[in-house]
PDB file of N, CA and C in Angstrom:
ATOM      1  N   MET A   1      64.257  70.359 148.957  1.00  0.00           N
ATOM      2  CA  MET A   1      64.709  71.622 149.459  1.00  0.00           C
ATOM      3  C   MET A   1      63.666  72.676 149.124  1.00  0.00           C
ATOM      4  N   LEU A   2      63.385  73.540 150.066  1.00  0.00           N
ATOM      5  CA  LEU A   2      62.441  74.637 149.873  1.00  0.00           C
ATOM      6  C   LEU A   2      63.139  75.927 150.266  1.00  0.00           C
ATOM      7  N   THR A   3      63.300  76.811 149.322  1.00  0.00           N
ATOM      8  CA  THR A   3      63.853  78.132 149.616  1.00  0.00           C
ATOM      9  C   THR A   3      62.916  79.166 149.042  1.00  0.00           C
ATOM     10  N   LEU A   4      62.759  80.255 149.745  1.00  0.00           N
ATOM     11  CA  LEU A   4      61.894  81.306 149.238  1.00  0.00           C
ATOM     12  C   LEU A   4      62.262  82.632 149.866  1.00  0.00           C
ATOM     13  N   GLU A   5      61.945  83.690 149.140  1.00  0.00           N
ATOM     14  CA  GLU A   5      62.171  85.031 149.630  1.00  0.00           C
ATOM     15  C   GLU A   5      60.867  85.763 149.840  1.00  0.00           C
ATOM     16  N   ALA A   6      59.822  85.308 149.233  1.00  0.00           N
ATOM     17  CA  ALA A   6      58.529  85.979 149.330  1.00  0.00           C
ATOM     18  C   ALA A   6      57.883  85.696 150.684  1.00  0.00           C
ATOM     19  N   SER A   7      56.903  86.496 151.028  1.00  0.00           N
ATOM     20  CA  SER A   7      56.198  86.291 152.291  1.00  0.00           C
ATOM     21  C   SER A   7      55.058  85.285 152.146  1.00  0.00           C
ATOM     22  N   THR A   8      54.788  84.827 150.938  1.00  0.00           N
ATOM     23  CA  THR A   8      53.773  83.803 150.711  1.00  0.00           C
ATOM     24  C   THR A   8      54.338  82.734 149.788  1.00  0.00           C
ATOM     25  N   ILE A   9      53.656  81.606 149.750  1.00  0.00           N
ATOM     26  CA  ILE A   9      54.072  80.509 148.880  1.00  0.00           C
ATOM     27  C   ILE A   9      52.808  79.885 148.292  1.00  0.00           C
ATOM     28  N   ASP A  10      52.881  79.483 147.045  1.00  0.00           N
ATOM     29  CA  ASP A  10      51.699  78.946 146.363  1.00  0.00           C
ATOM     30  C   ASP A  10      51.644  77.423 146.407  1.00  0.00           C
ATOM     31  N   ARG A  11      52.162  76.836 147.459  1.00  0.00           N
ATOM     32  CA  ARG A  11      52.148  75.381 147.631  1.00  0.00           C
ATOM     33  C   ARG A  11      51.487  75.052 148.958  1.00  0.00           C
ATOM     34  N   ARG A  12      50.920  73.852 149.046  1.00  0.00           N
ATOM     35  CA  ARG A  12      50.366  73.364 150.301  1.00  0.00           C
ATOM     36  C   ARG A  12      51.119  72.106 150.693  1.00  0.00           C
ATOM     37  N   PHE A  13      51.455  72.018 151.936  1.00  0.00           N
ATOM     38  CA  PHE A  13      52.125  70.846 152.480  1.00  0.00           C
ATOM     39  C   PHE A  13      51.153  70.189 153.451  1.00  0.00           C
ATOM     40  N   ILE A  14      50.745  68.994 153.138  1.00  0.00           N
ATOM     41  CA  ILE A  14      49.745  68.288 153.928  1.00  0.00           C
ATOM     42  C   ILE A  14      50.429  67.163 154.704  1.00  0.00           C
ATOM     43  N   ASP A  15      50.049  67.022 155.954  1.00  0.00           N
ATOM     44  CA  ASP A  15      50.554  65.928 156.778  1.00  0.00           C
ATOM     45  C   ASP A  15      49.408  65.432 157.647  1.00  0.00           C
ATOM     46  N   LYS A  16      49.589  64.312 158.299  1.00  0.00           N
ATOM     47  CA  LYS A  16      48.515  63.775 159.125  1.00  0.00           C
ATOM     48  C   LYS A  16      49.057  63.314 160.465  1.00  0.00           C
ATOM     49  N   VAL A  17      48.154  63.304 161.436  1.00  0.00           N
ATOM     50  CA  VAL A  17      48.438  62.787 162.770  1.00  0.00           C
ATOM     51  C   VAL A  17      47.385  61.733 163.052  1.00  0.00           C
ATOM     52  N   ILE A  18      47.825  60.551 163.449  1.00  0.00           N
ATOM     53  CA  ILE A  18      46.895  59.481 163.803  1.00  0.00           C
ATOM     54  C   ILE A  18      46.875  59.377 165.323  1.00  0.00           C
ATOM     55  N   LEU A  19      45.717  59.628 165.914  1.00  0.00           N
ATOM     56  CA  LEU A  19      45.567  59.607 167.363  1.00  0.00           C
ATOM     57  C   LEU A  19      45.441  58.182 167.882  1.00  0.00           C
ATOM     58  N   GLY A  20      45.617  58.030 169.181  1.00  0.00           N
ATOM     59  CA  GLY A  20      45.539  56.714 169.813  1.00  0.00           C
ATOM     60  C   GLY A  20      44.198  56.030 169.636  1.00  0.00           C
ATOM     61  N   ASN A  21      43.129  56.817 169.455  1.00  0.00           N
ATOM     62  CA  ASN A  21      41.804  56.225 169.263  1.00  0.00           C
ATOM     63  C   ASN A  21      41.530  55.883 167.802  1.00  0.00           C
ATOM     64  N   GLY A  22      42.548  56.047 166.939  1.00  0.00           N
ATOM     65  CA  GLY A  22      42.414  55.709 165.529  1.00  0.00           C
ATOM     66  C   GLY A  22      41.962  56.851 164.642  1.00  0.00           C
ATOM     67  N   LYS A  23      41.534  57.964 165.229  1.00  0.00           N
ATOM     68  CA  LYS A  23      41.090  59.117 164.448  1.00  0.00           C
ATOM     69  C   LYS A  23      42.297  59.771 163.782  1.00  0.00           C
ATOM     70  N   THR A  24      42.137  60.168 162.525  1.00  0.00           N
ATOM     71  CA  THR A  24      43.206  60.816 161.770  1.00  0.00           C
ATOM     72  C   THR A  24      42.875  62.284 161.569  1.00  0.00           C
ATOM     73  N   LEU A  25      43.814  63.147 161.924  1.00  0.00           N
ATOM     74  CA  LEU A  25      43.686  64.580 161.696  1.00  0.00           C
ATOM     75  C   LEU A  25      44.616  64.957 160.554  1.00  0.00           C
ATOM     76  N   VAL A  26      44.091  65.654 159.556  1.00  0.00           N
ATOM     77  CA  VAL A  26      44.873  66.064 158.395  1.00  0.00           C
ATOM     78  C   VAL A  26      44.919  67.580 158.372  1.00  0.00           C
ATOM     79  N   GLY A  27      46.099  68.137 158.109  1.00  0.00           N
ATOM     80  CA  GLY A  27      46.213  69.590 158.069  1.00  0.00           C
ATOM     81  C   GLY A  27      47.485  70.040 157.392  1.00  0.00           C
ATOM     82  N   ASN A  28      47.673  71.335 157.358  1.00  0.00           N
ATOM     83  CA  ASN A  28      48.861  71.928 156.753  1.00  0.00           C
ATOM     84  C   ASN A  28      50.037  71.788 157.709  1.00  0.00           C
ATOM     85  N   ALA A  29      51.160  71.336 157.199  1.00  0.00           N
ATOM     86  CA  ALA A  29      52.333  71.149 158.043  1.00  0.00           C
ATOM     87  C   ALA A  29      53.577  71.014 157.183  1.00  0.00           C
ATOM     88  N   ILE A  30      54.696  71.281 157.785  1.00  0.00           N
ATOM     89  CA  ILE A  30      55.981  70.968 157.163  1.00  0.00           C
ATOM     90  C   ILE A  30      56.753  70.151 158.183  1.00  0.00           C
ATOM     91  N   ASN A  31      57.081  68.945 157.824  1.00  0.00           N
ATOM     92  CA  ASN A  31      57.810  68.054 158.707  1.00  0.00           C
ATOM     93  C   ASN A  31      59.080  67.628 157.989  1.00  0.00           C
ATOM     94  N   GLY A  32      60.214  68.055 158.487  1.00  0.00           N
ATOM     95  CA  GLY A  32      61.487  67.737 157.858  1.00  0.00           C
ATOM     96  C   GLY A  32      62.123  66.456 158.353  1.00  0.00           C
ATOM     97  N   PHE A  33      61.398  65.691 159.154  1.00  0.00           N
ATOM     98  CA  PHE A  33      61.965  64.488 159.748  1.00  0.00           C
ATOM     99  C   PHE A  33      61.366  63.234 159.117  1.00  0.00           C
ATOM    100  N   GLN A  34      62.169  62.204 158.969  1.00  0.00           N
ATOM    101  CA  GLN A  34      61.684  60.899 158.535  1.00  0.00           C
ATOM    102  C   GLN A  34      61.135  60.187 159.764  1.00  0.00           C
ATOM    103  N   MET A  35      59.841  59.956 159.808  1.00  0.00           N
ATOM    104  CA  MET A  35      59.212  59.358 160.982  1.00  0.00           C
ATOM    105  C   MET A  35      59.333  57.834 160.990  1.00  0.00           C
ATOM    106  N   ASN A  36      59.433  57.219 159.829  1.00  0.00           N
ATOM    107  CA  ASN A  36      59.617  55.771 159.703  1.00  0.00           C
ATOM    108  C   ASN A  36      58.626  54.965 160.540  1.00  0.00           C
ATOM    109  N   GLY A  37      57.384  55.421 160.613  1.00  0.00           N
ATOM    110  CA  GLY A  37      56.355  54.688 161.342  1.00  0.00           C
ATOM    111  C   GLY A  37      56.450  54.791 162.850  1.00  0.00           C
ATOM    112  N   SER A  38      57.337  55.646 163.361  1.00  0.00           N
ATOM    113  CA  SER A  38      57.495  55.790 164.808  1.00  0.00           C
ATOM    114  C   SER A  38      56.272  56.454 165.430  1.00  0.00           C
ATOM    115  N   ILE A  39      56.040  56.165 166.690  1.00  0.00           N
ATOM    116  CA  ILE A  39      54.932  56.759 167.431  1.00  0.00           C
ATOM    117  C   ILE A  39      55.504  57.741 168.444  1.00  0.00           C
ATOM    118  N   PHE A  40      54.954  58.950 168.461  1.00  0.00           N
ATOM    119  CA  PHE A  40      55.379  59.986 169.392  1.00  0.00           C
ATOM    120  C   PHE A  40      54.157  60.549 170.091  1.00  0.00           C
ATOM    121  N   PRO A  41      54.306  61.012 171.334  1.00  0.00           N
ATOM    122  CA  PRO A  41      53.156  61.584 172.037  1.00  0.00           C
ATOM    123  C   PRO A  41      52.791  62.950 171.469  1.00  0.00           C
ATOM    124  N   LEU A  42      51.513  63.275 171.513  1.00  0.00           N
ATOM    125  CA  LEU A  42      51.023  64.589 171.138  1.00  0.00           C
ATOM    126  C   LEU A  42      50.863  65.365 172.435  1.00  0.00           C
ATOM    127  N   VAL A  43      51.587  66.471 172.574  1.00  0.00           N
ATOM    128  CA  VAL A  43      51.608  67.204 173.837  1.00  0.00           C
ATOM    129  C   VAL A  43      51.314  68.680 173.615  1.00  0.00           C
ATOM    130  N   PHE A  44      50.932  69.361 174.667  1.00  0.00           N
ATOM    131  CA  PHE A  44      50.739  70.802 174.680  1.00  0.00           C
ATOM    132  C   PHE A  44      52.068  71.423 175.074  1.00  0.00           C
ATOM    133  N   GLY A  45      52.568  72.372 174.284  1.00  0.00           N
ATOM    134  CA  GLY A  45      53.897  72.934 174.483  1.00  0.00           C
ATOM    135  C   GLY A  45      54.209  73.383 175.894  1.00  0.00           C
ATOM    136  N   LYS A  46      53.242  73.984 176.572  1.00  0.00           N
ATOM    137  CA  LYS A  46      53.479  74.486 177.927  1.00  0.00           C
ATOM    138  C   LYS A  46      53.766  73.353 178.906  1.00  0.00           C
ATOM    139  N   GLU A  47      53.289  72.155 178.609  1.00  0.00           N
ATOM    140  CA  GLU A  47      53.456  71.032 179.526  1.00  0.00           C
ATOM    141  C   GLU A  47      54.818  70.352 179.406  1.00  0.00           C
ATOM    142  N   VAL A  48      55.596  70.664 178.389  1.00  0.00           N
ATOM    143  CA  VAL A  48      56.864  69.964 178.195  1.00  0.00           C
ATOM    144  C   VAL A  48      58.089  70.826 178.463  1.00  0.00           C
ATOM    145  N   THR A  49      57.894  72.088 178.825  1.00  0.00           N
ATOM    146  CA  THR A  49      59.026  72.940 179.160  1.00  0.00           C
ATOM    147  C   THR A  49      58.602  74.010 180.145  1.00  0.00           C
ATOM    148  N   ASP A  50      59.514  74.401 181.007  1.00  0.00           N
ATOM    149  CA  ASP A  50      59.222  75.505 181.920  1.00  0.00           C
ATOM    150  C   ASP A  50      59.666  76.838 181.320  1.00  0.00           C
ATOM    151  N   ARG A  51      60.208  76.810 180.099  1.00  0.00           N
ATOM    152  CA  ARG A  51      60.664  78.025 179.421  1.00  0.00           C
ATOM    153  C   ARG A  51      59.610  78.589 178.482  1.00  0.00           C
ATOM    154  N   CYS A  52      58.433  78.024 178.490  1.00  0.00           N
ATOM    155  CA  CYS A  52      57.389  78.409 177.551  1.00  0.00           C
ATOM    156  C   CYS A  52      56.155  78.857 178.325  1.00  0.00           C
ATOM    157  N   ASN A  53      55.743  80.112 178.122  1.00  0.00           N
ATOM    158  CA  ASN A  53      54.515  80.556 178.780  1.00  0.00           C
ATOM    159  C   ASN A  53      53.309  80.150 177.935  1.00  0.00           C
ATOM    160  N   GLU A  54      52.116  80.327 178.471  1.00  0.00           N
ATOM    161  CA  GLU A  54      50.909  79.866 177.782  1.00  0.00           C
ATOM    162  C   GLU A  54      50.732  80.546 176.429  1.00  0.00           C
ATOM    163  N   HIS A  55      51.043  81.833 176.330  1.00  0.00           N
ATOM    164  CA  HIS A  55      50.910  82.562 175.062  1.00  0.00           C
ATOM    165  C   HIS A  55      51.840  81.977 173.991  1.00  0.00           C
ATOM    166  N   SER A  56      53.080  81.694 174.343  1.00  0.00           N
ATOM    167  CA  SER A  56      54.040  81.131 173.382  1.00  0.00           C
ATOM    168  C   SER A  56      53.658  79.722 172.962  1.00  0.00           C
ATOM    169  N   ALA A  57      53.048  78.971 173.859  1.00  0.00           N
ATOM    170  CA  ALA A  57      52.672  77.590 173.560  1.00  0.00           C
ATOM    171  C   ALA A  57      51.567  77.505 172.527  1.00  0.00           C
ATOM    172  N   LYS A  58      50.770  78.566 172.391  1.00  0.00           N
ATOM    173  CA  LYS A  58      49.679  78.562 171.419  1.00  0.00           C
ATOM    174  C   LYS A  58      50.240  78.861 170.070  1.00  0.00           C
TER     175      LYS A  58
END
């Protein structure tokens, strides 16, 4: 559980994405889901909904 009231936090949450070509991207992320080794597509937000404009997708 993570709760905070401040506008900053002194912790880093690291996660990784493994691409189809085997390349691994590592970065800051918070993922609250158990992935259990599942594979999901990496998509651009604007391409998966008509309710999202290009600015919001970034």
